[in-house]
Each structure stands twice: as C-alpha cells, then as structure tokens.
Amino acid sequence: EIDYINGFLLRRARAHGIAVPENTRLFEMVKRKESEYERIGTGLPRPW
C-alpha cells in the first residue's frame, strides 16, 4: 500500500514541483522496515 498511496502522492508532488519531505521520510522509513522483514529467518544480520 505504501507504493500505491504514498508513492502516488510523491510522484504527483514531484510532477508539480512540490516538496513533501514528511511523506518522503515516511515512505523511506516504511521501505526500510519492509526490507528488514524480508531477512527474518534468513540468519542475516540487521543493518546498523
């Protein structure tokens, strides 16, 4: 959903030259957290 909802907002804002730093930060935080979930059970260490 983050790609669909917030991704849409980020693309539209970029197309109109509007800065949306909080939405960008939220998108990055969620994507970082999602990447951690993909490593669960793989034995790979978490990034610092």
PDB file of N, CA and C in Angstrom:
ATOM      1  N   GLU A   1       0.810  -1.197   0.000  1.00  0.00           N
ATOM      2  CA  GLU A   1       0.000   0.000   0.000  1.00  0.00           C
ATOM      3  C   GLU A   1       0.853   1.260   0.000  1.00  0.00           C
ATOM      4  N   ILE A   2       2.027   1.191   0.619  1.00  0.00           N
ATOM      5  CA  ILE A   2       2.870   2.391   0.667  1.00  0.00           C
ATOM      6  C   ILE A   2       3.265   2.814  -0.742  1.00  0.00           C
ATOM      7  N   ASP A   3       3.515   1.851  -1.620  1.00  0.00           N
ATOM      8  CA  ASP A   3       3.865   2.194  -3.001  1.00  0.00           C
ATOM      9  C   ASP A   3       2.678   2.815  -3.723  1.00  0.00           C
ATOM     10  N   TYR A   4       1.506   2.286  -3.483  1.00  0.00           N
ATOM     11  CA  TYR A   4       0.314   2.754  -4.183  1.00  0.00           C
ATOM     12  C   TYR A   4      -0.132   4.129  -3.684  1.00  0.00           C
ATOM     13  N   ILE A   5      -0.316   4.264  -2.379  1.00  0.00           N
ATOM     14  CA  ILE A   5      -0.874   5.509  -1.831  1.00  0.00           C
ATOM     15  C   ILE A   5       0.180   6.610  -1.742  1.00  0.00           C
ATOM     16  N   ASN A   6       1.217   6.374  -0.941  1.00  0.00           N
ATOM     17  CA  ASN A   6       2.215   7.421  -0.750  1.00  0.00           C
ATOM     18  C   ASN A   6       3.073   7.588  -1.995  1.00  0.00           C
ATOM     19  N   GLY A   7       3.312   6.492  -2.708  1.00  0.00           N
ATOM     20  CA  GLY A   7       4.071   6.584  -3.954  1.00  0.00           C
ATOM     21  C   GLY A   7       3.373   7.475  -4.964  1.00  0.00           C
ATOM     22  N   PHE A   8       2.052   7.338  -5.056  1.00  0.00           N
ATOM     23  CA  PHE A   8       1.265   8.189  -5.952  1.00  0.00           C
ATOM     24  C   PHE A   8       1.422   9.653  -5.553  1.00  0.00           C
ATOM     25  N   LEU A   9       1.299   9.927  -4.266  1.00  0.00           N
ATOM     26  CA  LEU A   9       1.428  11.300  -3.772  1.00  0.00           C
ATOM     27  C   LEU A   9       2.809  11.863  -4.097  1.00  0.00           C
ATOM     28  N   LEU A  10       3.845  11.066  -3.872  1.00  0.00           N
ATOM     29  CA  LEU A  10       5.203  11.533  -4.158  1.00  0.00           C
ATOM     30  C   LEU A  10       5.401  11.823  -5.643  1.00  0.00           C
ATOM     31  N   ARG A  11       4.880  10.952  -6.498  1.00  0.00           N
ATOM     32  CA  ARG A  11       5.008  11.177  -7.950  1.00  0.00           C
ATOM     33  C   ARG A  11       4.264  12.441  -8.377  1.00  0.00           C
ATOM     34  N   ARG A  12       3.062  12.645  -7.866  1.00  0.00           N
ATOM     35  CA  ARG A  12       2.274  13.833  -8.229  1.00  0.00           C
ATOM     36  C   ARG A  12       2.947  15.106  -7.719  1.00  0.00           C
ATOM     37  N   ALA A  13       3.439  15.068  -6.499  1.00  0.00           N
ATOM     38  CA  ALA A  13       4.120  16.237  -5.939  1.00  0.00           C
ATOM     39  C   ALA A  13       5.354  16.573  -6.772  1.00  0.00           C
ATOM     40  N   ARG A  14       6.123  15.556  -7.131  1.00  0.00           N
ATOM     41  CA  ARG A  14       7.325  15.767  -7.949  1.00  0.00           C
ATOM     42  C   ARG A  14       6.954  16.363  -9.306  1.00  0.00           C
ATOM     43  N   ALA A  15       5.873  15.868  -9.898  1.00  0.00           N
ATOM     44  CA  ALA A  15       5.437  16.360 -11.209  1.00  0.00           C
ATOM     45  C   ALA A  15       5.057  17.836 -11.161  1.00  0.00           C
ATOM     46  N   HIS A  16       4.597  18.292  -9.996  1.00  0.00           N
ATOM     47  CA  HIS A  16       4.173  19.688  -9.850  1.00  0.00           C
ATOM     48  C   HIS A  16       5.215  20.547  -9.137  1.00  0.00           C
ATOM     49  N   GLY A  17       6.379  19.972  -8.854  1.00  0.00           N
ATOM     50  CA  GLY A  17       7.449  20.729  -8.214  1.00  0.00           C
ATOM     51  C   GLY A  17       7.174  21.065  -6.762  1.00  0.00           C
ATOM     52  N   ILE A  18       6.408  20.216  -6.084  1.00  0.00           N
ATOM     53  CA  ILE A  18       6.055  20.455  -4.682  1.00  0.00           C
ATOM     54  C   ILE A  18       6.895  19.540  -3.797  1.00  0.00           C
ATOM     55  N   ALA A  19       7.524  20.125  -2.781  1.00  0.00           N
ATOM     56  CA  ALA A  19       8.306  19.342  -1.825  1.00  0.00           C
ATOM     57  C   ALA A  19       7.371  18.769  -0.760  1.00  0.00           C
ATOM     58  N   VAL A  20       7.498  17.486  -0.514  1.00  0.00           N
ATOM     59  CA  VAL A  20       6.704  16.822   0.531  1.00  0.00           C
ATOM     60  C   VAL A  20       7.664  16.002   1.405  1.00  0.00           C
ATOM     61  N   PRO A  21       8.500  16.685   2.196  1.00  0.00           N
ATOM     62  CA  PRO A  21       9.547  15.985   2.947  1.00  0.00           C
ATOM     63  C   PRO A  21       9.025  14.968   3.958  1.00  0.00           C
ATOM     64  N   GLU A  22       7.919  15.246   4.604  1.00  0.00           N
ATOM     65  CA  GLU A  22       7.395  14.295   5.587  1.00  0.00           C
ATOM     66  C   GLU A  22       6.911  13.021   4.909  1.00  0.00           C
ATOM     67  N   ASN A  23       6.267  13.156   3.770  1.00  0.00           N
ATOM     68  CA  ASN A  23       5.808  11.973   3.046  1.00  0.00           C
ATOM     69  C   ASN A  23       6.991  11.179   2.497  1.00  0.00           C
ATOM     70  N   THR A  24       8.010  11.877   2.047  1.00  0.00           N
ATOM     71  CA  THR A  24       9.217  11.209   1.564  1.00  0.00           C
ATOM     72  C   THR A  24       9.868  10.436   2.699  1.00  0.00           C
ATOM     73  N   ARG A  25       9.976  11.064   3.858  1.00  0.00           N
ATOM     74  CA  ARG A  25      10.573  10.416   5.028  1.00  0.00           C
ATOM     75  C   ARG A  25       9.754   9.191   5.441  1.00  0.00           C
ATOM     76  N   LEU A  26       8.432   9.318   5.465  1.00  0.00           N
ATOM     77  CA  LEU A  26       7.562   8.198   5.819  1.00  0.00           C
ATOM     78  C   LEU A  26       7.764   7.037   4.847  1.00  0.00           C
ATOM     79  N   PHE A  27       7.791   7.334   3.551  1.00  0.00           N
ATOM     80  CA  PHE A  27       7.988   6.316   2.521  1.00  0.00           C
ATOM     81  C   PHE A  27       9.305   5.572   2.752  1.00  0.00           C
ATOM     82  N   GLU A  28      10.376   6.318   3.001  1.00  0.00           N
ATOM     83  CA  GLU A  28      11.687   5.709   3.215  1.00  0.00           C
ATOM     84  C   GLU A  28      11.717   4.853   4.473  1.00  0.00           C
ATOM     85  N   MET A  29      11.067   5.321   5.549  1.00  0.00           N
ATOM     86  CA  MET A  29      11.029   4.559   6.798  1.00  0.00           C
ATOM     87  C   MET A  29      10.299   3.233   6.609  1.00  0.00           C
ATOM     88  N   VAL A  30       9.162   3.264   5.940  1.00  0.00           N
ATOM     89  CA  VAL A  30       8.382   2.046   5.726  1.00  0.00           C
ATOM     90  C   VAL A  30       9.150   1.076   4.837  1.00  0.00           C
ATOM     91  N   LYS A  31       9.768   1.576   3.769  1.00  0.00           N
ATOM     92  CA  LYS A  31      10.531   0.705   2.879  1.00  0.00           C
ATOM     93  C   LYS A  31      11.717   0.070   3.614  1.00  0.00           C
ATOM     94  N   ARG A  32      12.370   0.832   4.482  1.00  0.00           N
ATOM     95  CA  ARG A  32      13.486   0.298   5.267  1.00  0.00           C
ATOM     96  C   ARG A  32      12.986  -0.819   6.192  1.00  0.00           C
ATOM     97  N   LYS A  33      11.843  -0.590   6.826  1.00  0.00           N
ATOM     98  CA  LYS A  33      11.267  -1.592   7.723  1.00  0.00           C
ATOM     99  C   LYS A  33      10.850  -2.837   6.945  1.00  0.00           C
ATOM    100  N   GLU A  34      10.277  -2.657   5.772  1.00  0.00           N
ATOM    101  CA  GLU A  34       9.894  -3.801   4.936  1.00  0.00           C
ATOM    102  C   GLU A  34      11.109  -4.644   4.570  1.00  0.00           C
ATOM    103  N   SER A  35      12.231  -4.001   4.297  1.00  0.00           N
ATOM    104  CA  SER A  35      13.429  -4.750   3.912  1.00  0.00           C
ATOM    105  C   SER A  35      13.942  -5.586   5.079  1.00  0.00           C
ATOM    106  N   GLU A  36      13.709  -5.140   6.316  1.00  0.00           N
ATOM    107  CA  GLU A  36      14.092  -5.921   7.487  1.00  0.00           C
ATOM    108  C   GLU A  36      13.240  -7.180   7.578  1.00  0.00           C
ATOM    109  N   TYR A  37      11.961  -7.085   7.273  1.00  0.00           N
ATOM    110  CA  TYR A  37      11.071  -8.237   7.345  1.00  0.00           C
ATOM    111  C   TYR A  37      11.483  -9.323   6.366  1.00  0.00           C
ATOM    112  N   GLU A  38      12.016  -8.942   5.230  1.00  0.00           N
ATOM    113  CA  GLU A  38      12.428  -9.919   4.227  1.00  0.00           C
ATOM    114  C   GLU A  38      13.590 -10.771   4.716  1.00  0.00           C
ATOM    115  N   ARG A  39      14.358 -10.280   5.692  1.00  0.00           N
ATOM    116  CA  ARG A  39      15.506 -11.019   6.208  1.00  0.00           C
ATOM    117  C   ARG A  39      15.145 -11.931   7.376  1.00  0.00           C
ATOM    118  N   ILE A  40      13.937 -11.838   7.895  1.00  0.00           N
ATOM    119  CA  ILE A  40      13.548 -12.674   9.030  1.00  0.00           C
ATOM    120  C   ILE A  40      13.681 -14.138   8.636  1.00  0.00           C
ATOM    121  N   GLY A  41      14.369 -14.881   9.451  1.00  0.00           N
ATOM    122  CA  GLY A  41      14.539 -16.305   9.208  1.00  0.00           C
ATOM    123  C   GLY A  41      15.670 -16.654   8.259  1.00  0.00           C
ATOM    124  N   THR A  42      16.364 -15.651   7.739  1.00  0.00           N
ATOM    125  CA  THR A  42      17.454 -15.938   6.805  1.00  0.00           C
ATOM    126  C   THR A  42      18.794 -16.041   7.515  1.00  0.00           C
ATOM    127  N   GLY A  43      18.852 -15.588   8.768  1.00  0.00           N
ATOM    128  CA  GLY A  43      20.108 -15.605   9.501  1.00  0.00           C
ATOM    129  C   GLY A  43      21.001 -14.428   9.190  1.00  0.00           C
ATOM    130  N   LEU A  44      20.528 -13.508   8.356  1.00  0.00           N
ATOM    131  CA  LEU A  44      21.328 -12.332   8.018  1.00  0.00           C
ATOM    132  C   LEU A  44      21.215 -11.290   9.126  1.00  0.00           C
ATOM    133  N   PRO A  45      22.310 -10.626   9.455  1.00  0.00           N
ATOM    134  CA  PRO A  45      22.258  -9.598  10.490  1.00  0.00           C
ATOM    135  C   PRO A  45      21.492  -8.371  10.020  1.00  0.00           C
ATOM    136  N   ARG A  46      20.953  -7.661  10.986  1.00  0.00           N
ATOM    137  CA  ARG A  46      20.250  -6.415  10.676  1.00  0.00           C
ATOM    138  C   ARG A  46      21.262  -5.315  10.388  1.00  0.00           C
ATOM    139  N   PRO A  47      20.946  -4.398   9.506  1.00  0.00           N
ATOM    140  CA  PRO A  47      21.873  -3.279   9.235  1.00  0.00           C
ATOM    141  C   PRO A  47      21.881  -2.303  10.405  1.00  0.00           C
ATOM    142  N   TRP A  48      22.989  -1.633  10.592  1.00  0.00           N
ATOM    143  CA  TRP A  48      23.077  -0.636  11.664  1.00  0.00           C
ATOM    144  C   TRP A  48      22.730   0.701  11.164  1.00  0.00           C
TER     145      TRP A  48
END
